[in-house]
Amino acid sequence: MSAQPIHPHTEPDRVPRNAEGIAAALEGERRMEFYRELLAAAAEKAEAVLRR
């Protein structure tokens, strides 16, 4: 028995998992809210903002 998936996931992420990619995927007020939260977050909390 193999641990390999039958159909490997080969599609790239739809949104790059960085601040620029996430901001580009958002529009208007949601983008501004994202930047406000990211800039207000302490360094150790910034990753949580990106993941959310």
C-alpha atoms as a PDB file:
ATOM      1  CA  MET A   1       0.000   0.000   0.000  1.00  0.00           C
ATOM      2  CA  SER A   2       1.291   3.457  -0.899  1.00  0.00           C
ATOM      3  CA  ALA A   3       0.771   6.767   0.854  1.00  0.00           C
ATOM      4  CA  GLN A   4       0.806   8.581  -2.492  1.00  0.00           C
ATOM      5  CA  PRO A   5      -2.523  10.081  -3.563  1.00  0.00           C
ATOM      6  CA  ILE A   6      -4.174   8.546  -6.593  1.00  0.00           C
ATOM      7  CA  HIS A   7      -4.676  11.974  -8.152  1.00  0.00           C
ATOM      8  CA  PRO A   8      -1.872  14.328  -7.055  1.00  0.00           C
ATOM      9  CA  HIS A   9      -2.746  17.964  -6.568  1.00  0.00           C
ATOM     10  CA  THR A  10      -0.991  19.709  -9.441  1.00  0.00           C
ATOM     11  CA  GLU A  11      -2.956  22.970  -9.694  1.00  0.00           C
ATOM     12  CA  PRO A  12      -1.127  26.062  -8.422  1.00  0.00           C
ATOM     13  CA  ASP A  13      -2.599  28.107  -5.576  1.00  0.00           C
ATOM     14  CA  ARG A  14      -5.189  30.536  -6.864  1.00  0.00           C
ATOM     15  CA  VAL A  15      -3.947  33.328  -4.588  1.00  0.00           C
ATOM     16  CA  PRO A  16      -0.275  33.687  -3.685  1.00  0.00           C
ATOM     17  CA  ARG A  17       0.083  33.265   0.061  1.00  0.00           C
ATOM     18  CA  ASN A  18       1.750  36.585   0.738  1.00  0.00           C
ATOM     19  CA  ALA A  19       0.498  40.097   1.542  1.00  0.00           C
ATOM     20  CA  GLU A  20       0.662  41.293  -2.070  1.00  0.00           C
ATOM     21  CA  GLY A  21      -1.214  38.288  -3.440  1.00  0.00           C
ATOM     22  CA  ILE A  22      -3.916  38.447  -0.798  1.00  0.00           C
ATOM     23  CA  ALA A  23      -4.386  42.212  -1.211  1.00  0.00           C
ATOM     24  CA  ALA A  24      -4.625  41.819  -4.988  1.00  0.00           C
ATOM     25  CA  ALA A  25      -7.415  39.265  -4.541  1.00  0.00           C
ATOM     26  CA  LEU A  26      -9.457  41.617  -2.351  1.00  0.00           C
ATOM     27  CA  GLU A  27     -11.444  44.632  -3.471  1.00  0.00           C
ATOM     28  CA  GLY A  28     -12.284  48.014  -2.010  1.00  0.00           C
ATOM     29  CA  GLU A  29     -13.042  48.098   1.671  1.00  0.00           C
ATOM     30  CA  ARG A  30     -11.964  44.468   2.226  1.00  0.00           C
ATOM     31  CA  ARG A  31      -8.484  45.324   0.886  1.00  0.00           C
ATOM     32  CA  MET A  32      -8.237  48.380   3.136  1.00  0.00           C
ATOM     33  CA  GLU A  33      -9.411  46.333   6.137  1.00  0.00           C
ATOM     34  CA  PHE A  34      -6.755  43.704   5.362  1.00  0.00           C
ATOM     35  CA  TYR A  35      -3.990  46.332   5.202  1.00  0.00           C
ATOM     36  CA  ARG A  36      -5.205  47.993   8.423  1.00  0.00           C
ATOM     37  CA  GLU A  37      -5.158  44.673  10.285  1.00  0.00           C
ATOM     38  CA  LEU A  38      -1.797  43.647   8.834  1.00  0.00           C
ATOM     39  CA  LEU A  39      -0.111  46.956   9.641  1.00  0.00           C
ATOM     40  CA  ALA A  40      -1.608  47.074  13.156  1.00  0.00           C
ATOM     41  CA  ALA A  41      -0.555  43.503  13.986  1.00  0.00           C
ATOM     42  CA  ALA A  42       2.545  42.871  16.044  1.00  0.00           C
ATOM     43  CA  ALA A  43       5.227  40.958  14.145  1.00  0.00           C
ATOM     44  CA  GLU A  44       4.343  37.672  15.822  1.00  0.00           C
ATOM     45  CA  LYS A  45       0.644  38.123  14.880  1.00  0.00           C
ATOM     46  CA  ALA A  46       1.142  39.104  11.206  1.00  0.00           C
ATOM     47  CA  GLU A  47       1.140  35.486  10.011  1.00  0.00           C
ATOM     48  CA  ALA A  48      -2.259  34.947  11.634  1.00  0.00           C
ATOM     49  CA  VAL A  49      -3.643  37.941   9.703  1.00  0.00           C
ATOM     50  CA  LEU A  50      -2.294  36.482   6.453  1.00  0.00           C
ATOM     51  CA  ARG A  51      -3.817  33.074   7.154  1.00  0.00           C
ATOM     52  CA  ARG A  52      -7.214  34.504   8.036  1.00  0.00           C
END
